[in-house]
C-alpha atoms as a PDB file:
ATOM      1  CA  MET A   1     102.180  95.604  87.975  1.00  0.00           C
ATOM      2  CA  ASN A   2     105.137  93.465  88.806  1.00  0.00           C
ATOM      3  CA  TYR A   3     107.087  91.226  86.333  1.00  0.00           C
ATOM      4  CA  CYS A   4     109.006  87.991  86.856  1.00  0.00           C
ATOM      5  CA  ASN A   5     111.481  89.502  84.326  1.00  0.00           C
ATOM      6  CA  ASP A   6     111.096  92.010  81.621  1.00  0.00           C
ATOM      7  CA  ARG A   7     112.739  89.712  79.108  1.00  0.00           C
ATOM      8  CA  HIS A   8     110.435  86.805  79.669  1.00  0.00           C
ATOM      9  CA  GLU A   9     107.298  86.275  77.625  1.00  0.00           C
ATOM     10  CA  HIS A  10     104.545  86.687  80.110  1.00  0.00           C
ATOM     11  CA  LYS A  11     101.755  84.048  80.040  1.00  0.00           C
ATOM     12  CA  TYR A  12     100.018  84.359  83.419  1.00  0.00           C
ATOM     13  CA  GLU A  13      98.572  87.192  85.553  1.00  0.00           C
ATOM     14  CA  ILE A  14      98.662  86.206  89.169  1.00  0.00           C
ATOM     15  CA  THR A  15      96.549  88.414  91.572  1.00  0.00           C
ATOM     16  CA  TYR A  16      97.017  88.197  95.267  1.00  0.00           C
ATOM     17  CA  LYS A  17      94.341  88.731  97.927  1.00  0.00           C
ATOM     18  CA  PRO A  18      94.439  92.136  99.514  1.00  0.00           C
ATOM     19  CA  ALA A  19      96.325  92.770 102.722  1.00  0.00           C
ATOM     20  CA  LYS A  20      94.073  92.794 105.809  1.00  0.00           C
ATOM     21  CA  THR A  21      94.749  96.561 106.210  1.00  0.00           C
ATOM     22  CA  GLY A  22      93.916  97.670 102.743  1.00  0.00           C
ATOM     23  CA  ALA A  23      92.248  97.044  99.400  1.00  0.00           C
ATOM     24  CA  HIS A  24      95.307  96.801  97.183  1.00  0.00           C
ATOM     25  CA  SER A  25      95.553  93.512  95.331  1.00  0.00           C
ATOM     26  CA  PRO A  26      99.145  93.055  94.036  1.00  0.00           C
ATOM     27  CA  LYS A  27      99.459  91.555  90.638  1.00  0.00           C
ATOM     28  CA  TRP A  28     102.293  89.815  88.806  1.00  0.00           C
ATOM     29  CA  MET A  29     102.840  88.903  85.169  1.00  0.00           C
ATOM     30  CA  VAL A  30     104.804  85.737  84.909  1.00  0.00           C
ATOM     31  CA  CYS A  31     106.324  83.541  82.114  1.00  0.00           C
ATOM     32  CA  ASN A  32     105.519  79.824  81.880  1.00  0.00           C
ATOM     33  CA  TRP A  33     108.871  78.741  83.554  1.00  0.00           C
ATOM     34  CA  CYS A  34     108.462  81.093  86.518  1.00  0.00           C
ATOM     35  CA  TYR A  35     104.834  80.031  86.928  1.00  0.00           C
ATOM     36  CA  GLU A  36     105.932  76.403  87.242  1.00  0.00           C
ATOM     37  CA  GLN A  37     108.252  77.378  90.092  1.00  0.00           C
ATOM     38  CA  LYS A  38     105.329  78.052  92.388  1.00  0.00           C
ATOM     39  CA  ASP A  39     107.465  78.811  95.402  1.00  0.00           C
ATOM     40  CA  TYR A  40     108.681  81.880  93.783  1.00  0.00           C
ATOM     41  CA  PHE A  41     105.226  83.549  94.145  1.00  0.00           C
ATOM     42  CA  GLY A  42     104.333  82.769  97.742  1.00  0.00           C
ATOM     43  CA  ASN A  43     101.845  80.739  99.528  1.00  0.00           C
ATOM     44  CA  PRO A  44      98.779  79.474  97.284  1.00  0.00           C
ATOM     45  CA  ASP A  45      96.445  80.389  99.996  1.00  0.00           C
ATOM     46  CA  GLU A  46      97.486  84.070  99.291  1.00  0.00           C
ATOM     47  CA  ILE A  47      96.530  83.883  95.601  1.00  0.00           C
ATOM     48  CA  GLU A  48      93.113  85.238  94.675  1.00  0.00           C
ATOM     49  CA  SER A  49      93.204  84.273  91.011  1.00  0.00           C
ATOM     50  CA  ILE A  50      95.428  83.114  88.061  1.00  0.00           C
ATOM     51  CA  ALA A  51      94.539  84.199  84.528  1.00  0.00           C
ATOM     52  CA  GLN A  52      96.235  82.741  81.518  1.00  0.00           C
ATOM     53  CA  LEU A  53      96.857  85.511  78.922  1.00  0.00           C
ATOM     54  CA  ALA A  54      96.134  85.272  75.260  1.00  0.00           C
ATOM     55  CA  SER A  55      99.153  84.398  73.181  1.00  0.00           C
END
């Protein structure tokens, strides 16, 4: 699991589509501010799902 920053309060879990050569789907836990900076986390076409975490 990857994190935008260990000190941030993580609000979203972003799961990316697996690479064409494998089944691994990278996941990121991100805070609200980083989530709003969409360009930080790649092309939206590469995202499989975004889940909002319970607070």
